[in-house]
């Protein structure tokens, strides 16, 4: 069975019911403190941690005195705007005593659907993690409407796990795992310790989207599981209500582990290699040798740019004989790439008239 300490990078999803008291509309301070000690414990072991946290609407609703019913969109967005600042401050205050810096990252579904935004989000999260920061991610409820919403933080957390190439996704839930039926209705329901693959039979056990105990139901958790595990990230569903839920999971608390289907880095490379290229970048012999050693592609090594592509689009990487070396996601448009080809990184701003990234294709966005 998997262990939390096996992972180098974890994404932890926290539902609003765990964080916000339904009666008062305020924080469950003891629970948040216990979570902070768990995060500090993981950080002390050198783990990267990302928290995907609900709670902004629930907090804002209490501050604004809005009723405990489904709110109209405008009121929900107003509640989110008020609650989000309190949510970020609460995490900052909980983790600061351990010397941990936090960052607020708000996203919408468009940020993962649009490749350029996806790359920008990925670069920001990666930089934060390299600096030792714990990002606090939430859906940007103040601007997201139905057509650009994830709708639940299970699926948002899975997308974040894929984006940062996490080893594990932990869903802290109101149930202690995946059952063959709803355990509140069927006393014979069996909890699975490990699910190797999410099959149609497993999906049928989840029932309809609203049939689970948590907001999105077990169906959304399985959808999150399919997204995460197919990208090489293991996922656990465990009860989050007890104090120190991550240490409890490590110490054998009931949970269901969904096994990763391969390695997250390999899965991402396979995804990049499978895309239809929008153009090509030809490199000189020196750059070709450097790429094979695992470096990023810098403008200085580019000899020719062909095709019309945008930022984040897939392009072929060719050697000086026209042979394909691999494929990658460009950090520049074809027009920009043409302006900076053959130039040193410090010359990019002079060529474009604005600062740019040092790499034309980063090694993390390249499959050779």
Protein backbone atom coordinates (compact mmCIF):
# COMPACT_ATOMS: atom_id res chain seq x y z
CA UNK A 1 0.00 0.00 0.00
CA UNK A 2 1.18 3.54 -0.75
CA UNK A 3 2.59 5.82 1.93
CA UNK A 4 2.37 9.61 2.09
CA UNK A 5 6.11 9.77 2.75
CA UNK A 6 6.81 7.93 -0.54
CA UNK A 7 5.89 11.04 -2.54
CA UNK A 8 8.24 13.85 -3.45
CA UNK A 9 5.40 16.18 -4.45
CA UNK A 10 1.85 16.07 -3.04
CA UNK A 11 -1.38 17.88 -3.84
CA UNK A 12 -3.85 17.89 -0.94
CA UNK A 13 -7.50 18.79 -1.48
CA UNK A 14 -9.42 20.30 1.44
CA UNK A 15 -13.19 20.64 1.35
CA UNK A 16 -15.02 23.56 2.96
CA UNK A 17 -16.82 21.29 5.45
CA UNK A 18 -13.44 20.40 6.97
CA UNK A 19 -12.31 24.01 7.25
CA UNK A 20 -15.45 26.07 7.95
CA UNK A 21 -17.93 25.54 10.78
CA UNK A 22 -21.41 25.31 9.29
CA UNK A 23 -23.12 26.90 12.30
CA UNK A 24 -20.85 29.91 12.87
CA UNK A 25 -19.43 30.34 9.38
CA UNK A 26 -15.97 30.70 10.93
CA UNK A 27 -12.80 28.62 10.73
CA UNK A 28 -12.31 25.37 12.60
CA UNK A 29 -9.14 26.73 14.18
CA UNK A 30 -7.96 23.50 15.86
CA UNK A 31 -8.33 21.52 12.65
CA UNK A 32 -6.44 24.12 10.60
CA UNK A 33 -3.62 24.16 13.18
CA UNK A 34 -3.38 20.37 12.97
CA UNK A 35 -3.24 20.50 9.18
CA UNK A 36 -0.46 23.09 9.40
CA UNK A 37 1.61 20.77 11.60
CA UNK A 38 1.09 17.98 9.04
CA UNK A 39 2.24 20.25 6.20
CA UNK A 40 5.28 21.35 8.24
CA UNK A 41 6.09 17.66 8.90
CA UNK A 42 6.04 16.95 5.16
CA UNK A 43 8.10 20.05 4.36
CA UNK A 44 10.72 19.05 6.94
CA UNK A 45 11.17 15.83 4.98
CA UNK A 46 11.83 17.83 1.82
CA UNK A 47 8.42 17.27 0.20
CA UNK A 48 6.74 19.78 -2.12
CA UNK A 49 3.17 20.49 -1.00
CA UNK A 50 0.28 22.17 -2.84
CA UNK A 51 -3.04 22.77 -1.04
CA UNK A 52 -6.24 22.96 -3.09
CA UNK A 53 -8.71 24.50 -0.68
CA UNK A 54 -12.41 25.24 -0.79
CA UNK A 55 -13.99 27.60 1.69
CA UNK A 56 -14.08 31.10 0.21
CA UNK A 57 -17.84 31.16 -0.49
CA UNK A 58 -18.67 29.52 2.87
CA UNK A 59 -16.56 32.11 4.72
CA UNK A 60 -17.86 35.07 2.74
CA UNK A 61 -21.45 33.96 3.18
CA UNK A 62 -21.06 34.18 6.97
CA UNK A 63 -19.42 37.62 6.85
CA UNK A 64 -22.10 39.02 4.54
CA UNK A 65 -24.98 37.37 6.41
CA UNK A 66 -26.25 35.58 3.32
CA UNK A 67 -28.73 32.72 3.77
CA UNK A 68 -27.66 29.03 3.94
CA UNK A 69 -29.21 28.22 0.56
CA UNK A 70 -27.81 27.94 -2.96
CA UNK A 71 -26.88 31.51 -3.81
CA UNK A 72 -27.50 33.32 -7.11
CA UNK A 73 -24.28 33.66 -9.15
CA UNK A 74 -23.70 37.33 -8.28
CA UNK A 75 -24.08 36.69 -4.54
CA UNK A 76 -21.84 33.61 -4.68
CA UNK A 77 -19.16 35.63 -6.46
CA UNK A 78 -19.47 38.45 -3.93
CA UNK A 79 -19.18 35.93 -1.07
CA UNK A 80 -16.10 34.42 -2.73
CA UNK A 81 -14.47 37.84 -3.05
CA UNK A 82 -14.97 38.52 0.66
CA UNK A 83 -14.08 35.00 1.78
CA UNK A 84 -11.00 34.48 -0.39
CA UNK A 85 -8.92 37.10 1.38
CA UNK A 86 -9.79 35.53 4.74
CA UNK A 87 -8.98 32.06 3.46
CA UNK A 88 -5.55 33.12 2.23
CA UNK A 89 -4.80 34.98 5.46
CA UNK A 90 -5.82 31.99 7.59
CA UNK A 91 -3.40 29.67 5.77
CA UNK A 92 -0.66 32.28 5.95
CA UNK A 93 -1.11 32.68 9.72
CA UNK A 94 -1.34 28.91 10.30
CA UNK A 95 1.87 28.07 8.39
CA UNK A 96 4.00 31.13 9.22
CA UNK A 97 5.04 29.83 12.70
CA UNK A 98 6.78 26.94 10.90
CA UNK A 99 8.70 29.32 8.63
CA UNK A 100 6.56 28.34 5.64
CA UNK A 101 5.68 30.96 3.02
CA UNK A 102 2.30 30.65 1.31
CA UNK A 103 0.99 31.95 -2.02
CA UNK A 104 -2.53 32.37 -3.31
CA UNK A 105 -3.21 30.95 -6.80
CA UNK A 106 -6.69 31.40 -8.30
CA UNK A 107 -7.57 29.52 -11.47
CA UNK A 108 -10.47 28.74 -13.78
CA UNK A 109 -11.09 25.87 -16.18
CA UNK A 110 -9.89 28.12 -19.01
CA UNK A 111 -6.43 28.18 -17.43
CA UNK A 112 -5.96 24.48 -18.17
CA UNK A 113 -7.95 24.37 -21.42
CA UNK A 114 -5.96 27.19 -23.02
CA UNK A 115 -2.41 25.91 -23.60
CA UNK A 116 -0.77 29.30 -23.19
CA UNK A 117 -2.48 29.91 -19.85
CA UNK A 118 -1.70 26.34 -18.81
CA UNK A 119 2.01 26.86 -19.42
CA UNK A 120 1.97 30.16 -17.53
CA UNK A 121 0.18 28.55 -14.56
CA UNK A 122 2.58 25.62 -14.64
CA UNK A 123 5.65 27.86 -14.73
CA UNK A 124 4.37 29.94 -11.80
CA UNK A 125 3.53 26.91 -9.65
CA UNK A 126 6.86 25.26 -10.47
CA UNK A 127 8.77 28.40 -9.49
CA UNK A 128 6.85 28.71 -6.23
CA UNK A 129 7.63 25.10 -5.34
CA UNK A 130 11.32 25.55 -6.18
CA UNK A 131 11.37 28.50 -3.78
CA UNK A 132 9.89 26.33 -1.02
CA UNK A 133 6.48 28.04 -1.05
CA UNK A 134 3.20 26.21 -0.33
CA UNK A 135 0.69 27.39 -2.98
CA UNK A 136 -2.94 27.62 -1.85
CA UNK A 137 -5.02 26.98 -4.98
CA UNK A 138 -8.73 27.61 -5.40
CA UNK A 139 -11.15 28.15 -8.23
CA UNK A 140 -11.47 31.85 -9.03
CA UNK A 141 -15.13 32.01 -8.02
CA UNK A 142 -15.23 35.80 -8.32
CA UNK A 143 -14.98 35.60 -12.13
CA UNK A 144 -15.78 31.99 -13.07
CA UNK A 145 -19.18 31.38 -14.61
CA UNK A 146 -20.61 27.96 -15.45
CA UNK A 147 -18.91 27.62 -18.82
CA UNK A 148 -15.44 28.20 -17.38
CA UNK A 149 -15.87 26.41 -14.04
CA UNK A 150 -14.44 23.16 -12.82
CA UNK A 151 -17.48 23.06 -10.55
CA UNK A 152 -15.81 21.03 -7.82
CA UNK A 153 -12.39 21.03 -6.24
CA UNK A 154 -11.86 17.27 -6.66
CA UNK A 155 -11.39 17.73 -10.39
CA UNK A 156 -9.53 21.01 -9.90
CA UNK A 157 -7.12 19.22 -7.54
CA UNK A 158 -6.57 16.47 -10.10
CA UNK A 159 -5.77 19.03 -12.78
CA UNK A 160 -3.34 20.80 -10.45
CA UNK A 161 -1.70 17.43 -9.69
CA UNK A 162 -1.22 16.84 -13.43
CA UNK A 163 0.06 20.40 -13.95
CA UNK A 164 2.77 20.15 -11.28
CA UNK A 165 3.55 16.46 -12.01
CA UNK A 166 2.67 15.41 -8.46
CA UNK A 167 3.35 11.88 -7.24
CA UNK A 168 0.26 11.80 -5.01
CA UNK A 169 -3.12 13.48 -4.77
CA UNK A 170 -4.81 13.24 -1.35
CA UNK A 171 -8.55 13.99 -1.22
CA UNK A 172 -9.48 14.80 2.38
CA UNK A 173 -13.15 13.89 2.35
CA UNK A 174 -16.16 13.19 4.57
CA UNK A 175 -15.84 9.47 3.79
CA UNK A 176 -12.92 7.17 4.52
CA UNK A 177 -12.56 5.70 1.04
CA UNK A 178 -14.34 4.25 -1.97
CA UNK A 179 -17.15 1.79 -1.25
CA UNK A 180 -18.97 -0.75 -3.40
CA UNK A 181 -22.19 1.12 -2.48
CA UNK A 182 -23.21 4.05 -0.30
CA UNK A 183 -22.28 2.86 3.22
CA UNK A 184 -25.03 4.98 4.81
CA UNK A 185 -27.64 3.08 2.83
CA UNK A 186 -26.11 -0.39 2.48
CA UNK A 187 -24.61 -2.06 5.55
CA UNK A 188 -22.95 -4.64 3.29
CA UNK A 189 -21.01 -1.98 1.37
CA UNK A 190 -17.32 -2.88 1.12
CA UNK A 191 -14.51 -0.36 1.30
CA UNK A 192 -11.63 -0.95 -1.11
CA UNK A 193 -8.11 -0.50 0.26
CA UNK A 194 -6.52 -0.39 -3.20
CA UNK A 195 -7.94 0.08 -6.70
CA UNK A 196 -5.40 -0.77 -9.37
CA UNK A 197 -7.43 0.64 -12.26
CA UNK A 198 -10.74 2.53 -12.55
CA UNK A 199 -12.82 0.13 -14.62
CA UNK A 200 -16.43 0.56 -15.85
CA UNK A 201 -17.46 -1.77 -13.00
CA UNK A 202 -15.83 0.54 -10.44
CA UNK A 203 -17.48 3.58 -12.05
CA UNK A 204 -20.90 1.88 -11.86
CA UNK A 205 -20.49 1.54 -8.08
CA UNK A 206 -20.16 5.31 -7.71
CA UNK A 207 -23.74 5.97 -8.76
CA UNK A 208 -24.91 9.39 -9.89
CA UNK A 209 -22.98 12.60 -9.31
CA UNK A 210 -25.11 13.59 -6.32
CA UNK A 211 -25.23 10.20 -4.62
CA UNK A 212 -22.06 10.49 -2.53
CA UNK A 213 -21.71 12.05 0.88
CA UNK A 214 -19.58 15.01 -0.23
CA UNK A 215 -20.68 17.90 -2.44
CA UNK A 216 -19.62 16.46 -5.77
CA UNK A 217 -20.33 12.87 -4.84
CA UNK A 218 -18.12 9.87 -5.38
CA UNK A 219 -18.51 10.13 -9.15
CA UNK A 220 -16.49 13.35 -9.28
CA UNK A 221 -13.80 11.74 -7.13
CA UNK A 222 -13.52 8.92 -9.65
CA UNK A 223 -13.29 11.47 -12.45
CA UNK A 224 -10.46 13.12 -10.52
CA UNK A 225 -8.88 9.70 -10.05
CA UNK A 226 -8.93 8.94 -13.76
CA UNK A 227 -7.30 12.28 -14.56
CA UNK A 228 -4.61 11.89 -11.89
CA UNK A 229 -3.73 8.20 -12.26
CA UNK A 230 -3.55 8.34 -16.06
CA UNK A 231 -0.92 11.08 -15.65
CA UNK A 232 1.15 8.94 -13.29
CA UNK A 233 -0.17 10.33 -9.98
CA UNK A 234 -1.50 8.03 -7.24
CA UNK A 235 -4.65 9.22 -5.45
CA UNK A 236 -6.04 8.56 -1.97
CA UNK A 237 -9.52 9.19 -0.58
CA UNK A 238 -9.51 9.39 3.21
CA UNK A 239 -11.56 10.99 5.95
CA UNK A 240 -10.36 14.48 6.69
CA UNK A 241 -12.38 15.32 9.80
CA UNK A 242 -9.93 13.96 12.44
CA UNK A 243 -7.08 16.20 13.55
CA UNK A 244 -3.75 15.67 11.75
CA UNK A 245 -5.39 13.82 8.84
CA UNK A 246 -2.16 13.39 6.85
CA UNK A 247 -0.25 11.83 9.73
CA UNK A 248 -3.32 9.66 10.39
CA UNK A 249 -3.21 8.46 6.77
CA UNK A 250 0.49 7.69 7.12
CA UNK A 251 -0.23 5.75 10.31
CA UNK A 252 -2.81 3.50 8.68
CA UNK A 253 -6.11 5.39 8.82
CA UNK A 254 -8.78 3.85 6.54
CA UNK A 255 -8.42 5.02 2.94
CA UNK A 256 -8.66 3.91 -0.67
CA UNK A 257 -5.54 4.25 -2.80
CA UNK A 258 -5.86 4.48 -6.59
CA UNK A 259 -2.60 3.37 -8.16
CA UNK A 260 -0.72 5.54 -10.65
CA UNK A 261 -0.57 4.30 -14.22
CA UNK A 262 3.13 4.95 -14.83
CA UNK A 263 5.43 7.85 -14.00
CA UNK A 264 4.12 11.48 -14.09
CA UNK A 265 7.16 12.79 -15.99
CA UNK A 266 6.95 10.03 -18.60
CA UNK A 267 3.19 10.58 -18.97
CA UNK A 268 3.71 14.28 -19.65
CA UNK A 269 6.42 13.61 -22.23
CA UNK A 270 4.13 11.10 -23.94
CA UNK A 271 1.35 13.72 -24.03
CA UNK A 272 3.66 16.30 -25.64
CA UNK A 273 4.98 13.80 -28.19
CA UNK A 274 1.43 12.85 -29.22
CA UNK A 275 0.38 16.39 -30.21
CA UNK A 276 0.09 17.52 -33.81
CA UNK A 277 2.89 20.09 -34.40
CA UNK A 278 1.98 23.60 -35.56
CA UNK A 279 5.46 24.40 -36.85
CA UNK A 280 9.14 23.50 -36.66
CA UNK A 281 12.31 24.88 -35.12
CA UNK A 282 15.66 23.88 -36.64
CA UNK A 283 18.68 23.95 -34.35
CA UNK A 284 22.43 23.98 -34.96
CA UNK A 285 24.73 21.08 -34.13
CA UNK A 286 25.79 22.55 -30.79
CA UNK A 287 22.21 23.00 -29.63
CA UNK A 288 21.34 19.46 -30.77
CA UNK A 289 24.15 18.05 -28.62
CA UNK A 290 23.05 20.18 -25.65
CA UNK A 291 19.43 19.02 -25.96
CA UNK A 292 20.53 15.39 -25.82
CA UNK A 293 22.29 16.20 -22.54
CA UNK A 294 18.94 17.37 -21.11
CA UNK A 295 19.15 21.17 -21.48
CA UNK A 296 16.41 23.61 -22.51
CA UNK A 297 16.42 25.07 -26.03
CA UNK A 298 17.74 28.63 -25.95
CA UNK A 299 17.24 31.12 -28.82
CA UNK A 300 21.00 31.17 -29.48
CA UNK A 301 20.87 27.61 -30.81
CA UNK A 302 17.98 28.19 -33.24
CA UNK A 303 18.85 28.40 -36.96
CA UNK A 304 15.40 28.51 -38.59
CA UNK A 305 11.72 28.82 -37.63
CA UNK A 306 8.94 27.56 -39.93
CA UNK A 307 5.16 27.53 -39.65
CA UNK A 308 2.76 29.79 -37.76
CA UNK A 309 2.32 28.92 -34.09
CA UNK A 310 1.37 30.61 -30.86
CA UNK A 311 2.75 30.46 -27.35
CA UNK A 312 2.19 27.02 -25.88
CA UNK A 313 1.73 25.34 -29.26
CA UNK A 314 3.59 22.10 -30.05
CA UNK A 315 6.46 22.38 -32.54
CA UNK A 316 8.90 19.88 -34.02
CA UNK A 317 12.59 20.24 -33.16
CA UNK A 318 14.83 19.44 -36.14
CA UNK A 319 18.61 19.09 -36.40
CA UNK A 320 20.70 20.87 -39.06
CA UNK A 321 20.02 17.99 -41.50
CA UNK A 322 16.24 18.21 -41.08
CA UNK A 323 15.98 15.07 -38.93
CA UNK A 324 13.44 15.21 -36.12
CA UNK A 325 15.01 15.31 -32.66
CA UNK A 326 11.73 15.60 -30.80
CA UNK A 327 8.85 17.91 -30.02
CA UNK A 328 8.14 20.64 -27.49
CA UNK A 329 5.80 23.42 -26.40
CA UNK A 330 7.05 26.82 -27.54
CA UNK A 331 7.20 29.69 -25.06
CA UNK A 332 7.12 32.18 -27.93
CA UNK A 333 4.99 32.76 -31.02
CA UNK A 334 6.55 31.97 -34.40
CA UNK A 335 6.91 35.72 -35.08
CA UNK A 336 8.73 36.23 -31.76
CA UNK A 337 10.88 33.12 -32.32
CA UNK A 338 11.98 34.49 -35.70
CA UNK A 339 13.05 37.78 -34.09
CA UNK A 340 15.14 36.17 -31.35
CA UNK A 341 16.61 33.14 -33.20
CA UNK A 342 20.39 33.04 -32.89
CA UNK A 343 20.34 35.63 -30.09
CA UNK A 344 21.71 35.33 -26.57
CA UNK A 345 19.22 35.40 -23.70
CA UNK A 346 20.29 38.88 -22.59
CA UNK A 347 19.45 40.22 -26.07
CA UNK A 348 15.81 39.04 -26.02
CA UNK A 349 14.36 42.20 -24.48
CA UNK A 350 16.16 44.39 -27.02
CA UNK A 351 14.81 42.31 -29.93
CA UNK A 352 11.22 42.12 -28.73
CA UNK A 353 10.87 45.40 -26.84
CA UNK A 354 9.77 43.57 -23.67
CA UNK A 355 11.29 40.98 -21.31
CA UNK A 356 10.93 37.32 -22.26
CA UNK A 357 11.76 33.89 -20.90
CA UNK A 358 15.33 32.67 -21.30
CA UNK A 359 14.30 29.35 -22.91
CA UNK A 360 12.41 29.11 -26.20
CA UNK A 361 11.39 25.56 -25.22
CA UNK A 362 11.96 24.50 -21.62
CA UNK A 363 13.28 20.99 -21.07
CA UNK A 364 10.18 20.14 -18.97
CA UNK A 365 8.03 20.92 -22.03
CA UNK A 366 10.12 18.81 -24.43
CA UNK A 367 9.96 15.17 -25.53
CA UNK A 368 13.05 13.98 -27.42
